[in-house]
Structures are given as structure tokens and as C-alpha cells.
Amino acid sequence: MGASLVTTCASPGRVAAAGRIDIAVANAGNAPASVTLLRQTTPGVFAASELAVPDGARRLAIADLNADGVPDLAVVSLVESPC
């Protein structure tokens, strides 16, 4: 995670097919906002990967949103626009 990012939310869940508990972390800040996905490769060992998110990742959740049996990652961004 970059120095100018702020962690705003973390969620445990099964993201990878390995069946282990992974962790998704929402990062907001001045740098390009992202979600850090920490995949548990072996018990207690995690490999990090970054997913770019426009307009800042504020909250996230891991759940089977479309009932296909595969966990989905939902991310909420903050977009401010004048009315």
C-alpha cells in the first residue's frame, strides 16, 4: 500500500478458489486509489495484488452477489459532483 493511501475498510472472505480466507482492503487517498487483495496462498501466508479503483475506494464487501456460487468483490467509491 502506498504512503499517500489511507485504509478505509477491510473485509475477510473467500475470493480465490483455494477456499482459504483472503482479505480485501479499501485504500483511498491522493495516489491512485486501489483495493489491495491479500490472497492466502498457504495458511498464514498472503500474497498482495492491487486493483485500481476510480474515485477512491471507501467501503467493500465480499459476498456471492449474483448467486452463482462464486464470491464477488463489491467496492463503493466516493464521487462528488455539483448539482
C-alpha atoms as a PDB file:
ATOM      1  CA  MET A   1       0.000   0.000   0.000  1.00  0.00           C
ATOM      2  CA  GLY A   2       1.368   3.408  -0.957  1.00  0.00           C
ATOM      3  CA  ALA A   3       2.418   6.052   1.550  1.00  0.00           C
ATOM      4  CA  SER A   4      -0.282   8.530   0.482  1.00  0.00           C
ATOM      5  CA  LEU A   5      -3.123   5.993   0.699  1.00  0.00           C
ATOM      6  CA  VAL A   6      -5.491   5.673   3.654  1.00  0.00           C
ATOM      7  CA  THR A   7      -7.027   2.315   4.528  1.00  0.00           C
ATOM      8  CA  THR A   8     -10.747   2.897   4.955  1.00  0.00           C
ATOM      9  CA  CYS A   9     -12.130  -0.642   5.186  1.00  0.00           C
ATOM     10  CA  ALA A  10     -11.050  -4.290   5.275  1.00  0.00           C
ATOM     11  CA  SER A  11     -13.131  -7.396   4.694  1.00  0.00           C
ATOM     12  CA  PRO A  12     -12.242 -11.082   5.092  1.00  0.00           C
ATOM     13  CA  GLY A  13     -13.731 -13.642   2.730  1.00  0.00           C
ATOM     14  CA  ARG A  14     -13.025 -16.385   0.231  1.00  0.00           C
ATOM     15  CA  VAL A  15     -12.004 -14.700  -3.031  1.00  0.00           C
ATOM     16  CA  ALA A  16      -9.708 -17.282  -4.596  1.00  0.00           C
ATOM     17  CA  ALA A  17     -10.748 -20.832  -5.476  1.00  0.00           C
ATOM     18  CA  ALA A  18      -8.358 -22.284  -2.869  1.00  0.00           C
ATOM     19  CA  GLY A  19     -11.055 -21.994  -0.187  1.00  0.00           C
ATOM     20  CA  ARG A  20      -8.843 -20.093   2.246  1.00  0.00           C
ATOM     21  CA  ILE A  21      -9.869 -16.827   3.897  1.00  0.00           C
ATOM     22  CA  ASP A  22      -8.477 -13.870   1.931  1.00  0.00           C
ATOM     23  CA  ILE A  23      -8.555 -10.170   2.880  1.00  0.00           C
ATOM     24  CA  ALA A  24      -9.631  -7.229   0.722  1.00  0.00           C
ATOM     25  CA  VAL A  25      -8.540  -3.735   1.823  1.00  0.00           C
ATOM     26  CA  ALA A  26     -10.042  -0.465   0.517  1.00  0.00           C
ATOM     27  CA  ASN A  27      -7.420   2.271   0.009  1.00  0.00           C
ATOM     28  CA  ALA A  28      -8.393   5.893  -0.544  1.00  0.00           C
ATOM     29  CA  GLY A  29      -6.086   8.873  -0.782  1.00  0.00           C
ATOM     30  CA  ASN A  30      -4.102  11.178  -3.034  1.00  0.00           C
ATOM     31  CA  ALA A  31      -2.404   8.423  -5.015  1.00  0.00           C
ATOM     32  CA  PRO A  32      -4.444   6.388  -7.457  1.00  0.00           C
ATOM     33  CA  ALA A  33      -6.970   4.708  -5.175  1.00  0.00           C
ATOM     34  CA  SER A  34      -6.996   0.947  -5.080  1.00  0.00           C
ATOM     35  CA  VAL A  35      -8.147  -2.226  -3.441  1.00  0.00           C
ATOM     36  CA  THR A  36      -5.384  -4.406  -2.059  1.00  0.00           C
ATOM     37  CA  LEU A  37      -6.302  -8.064  -2.326  1.00  0.00           C
ATOM     38  CA  LEU A  38      -4.364 -10.260   0.083  1.00  0.00           C
ATOM     39  CA  ARG A  39      -4.767 -13.838  -1.147  1.00  0.00           C
ATOM     40  CA  GLN A  40      -3.844 -16.515   1.376  1.00  0.00           C
ATOM     41  CA  THR A  41      -1.507 -18.799  -0.547  1.00  0.00           C
ATOM     42  CA  THR A  42      -0.782 -21.155   2.344  1.00  0.00           C
ATOM     43  CA  PRO A  43      -2.045 -20.983   5.933  1.00  0.00           C
ATOM     44  CA  GLY A  44      -0.914 -17.625   7.351  1.00  0.00           C
ATOM     45  CA  VAL A  45       0.941 -16.510   4.188  1.00  0.00           C
ATOM     46  CA  PHE A  46      -0.600 -13.807   1.971  1.00  0.00           C
ATOM     47  CA  ALA A  47       0.310 -12.515  -1.500  1.00  0.00           C
ATOM     48  CA  ALA A  48      -0.757  -8.924  -2.262  1.00  0.00           C
ATOM     49  CA  SER A  49      -2.115  -7.585  -5.538  1.00  0.00           C
ATOM     50  CA  GLU A  50      -3.516  -4.138  -6.337  1.00  0.00           C
ATOM     51  CA  LEU A  51      -6.748  -3.402  -8.203  1.00  0.00           C
ATOM     52  CA  ALA A  52      -7.210   0.187  -9.435  1.00  0.00           C
ATOM     53  CA  VAL A  53     -10.455   1.883  -8.351  1.00  0.00           C
ATOM     54  CA  PRO A  54     -11.557   5.228  -9.830  1.00  0.00           C
ATOM     55  CA  ASP A  55     -12.639   7.952  -7.404  1.00  0.00           C
ATOM     56  CA  GLY A  56     -11.368   6.263  -4.246  1.00  0.00           C
ATOM     57  CA  ALA A  57     -12.345   3.013  -2.584  1.00  0.00           C
ATOM     58  CA  ARG A  58     -14.340   3.795   0.571  1.00  0.00           C
ATOM     59  CA  ARG A  59     -16.053   0.542   1.551  1.00  0.00           C
ATOM     60  CA  LEU A  60     -16.049  -3.009   0.245  1.00  0.00           C
ATOM     61  CA  ALA A  61     -17.620  -6.393   0.826  1.00  0.00           C
ATOM     62  CA  ILE A  62     -17.008  -9.961  -0.295  1.00  0.00           C
ATOM     63  CA  ALA A  63     -20.209 -11.921  -0.955  1.00  0.00           C
ATOM     64  CA  ASP A  64     -21.916 -14.044  -3.601  1.00  0.00           C
ATOM     65  CA  LEU A  65     -23.954 -11.171  -5.050  1.00  0.00           C
ATOM     66  CA  ASN A  66     -25.389 -12.967  -8.090  1.00  0.00           C
ATOM     67  CA  ALA A  67     -25.972 -16.425  -6.542  1.00  0.00           C
ATOM     68  CA  ASP A  68     -23.564 -18.233  -8.906  1.00  0.00           C
ATOM     69  CA  GLY A  69     -21.630 -19.887  -6.088  1.00  0.00           C
ATOM     70  CA  VAL A  70     -18.547 -17.686  -6.627  1.00  0.00           C
ATOM     71  CA  PRO A  71     -17.663 -14.856  -4.207  1.00  0.00           C
ATOM     72  CA  ASP A  72     -17.820 -11.338  -5.695  1.00  0.00           C
ATOM     73  CA  LEU A  73     -15.986  -8.208  -4.581  1.00  0.00           C
ATOM     74  CA  ALA A  74     -18.166  -5.085  -4.290  1.00  0.00           C
ATOM     75  CA  VAL A  75     -16.440  -1.701  -3.897  1.00  0.00           C
ATOM     76  CA  VAL A  76     -18.056   1.640  -3.080  1.00  0.00           C
ATOM     77  CA  SER A  77     -16.326   4.788  -4.338  1.00  0.00           C
ATOM     78  CA  LEU A  78     -16.958   8.374  -3.405  1.00  0.00           C
ATOM     79  CA  VAL A  79     -17.824  10.574  -6.336  1.00  0.00           C
ATOM     80  CA  GLU A  80     -18.627  14.203  -5.653  1.00  0.00           C
ATOM     81  CA  SER A  81     -20.348  16.099  -8.389  1.00  0.00           C
ATOM     82  CA  PRO A  82     -22.010  19.504  -8.304  1.00  0.00           C
ATOM     83  CA  CYS A  83     -25.779  19.590  -8.639  1.00  0.00           C
END
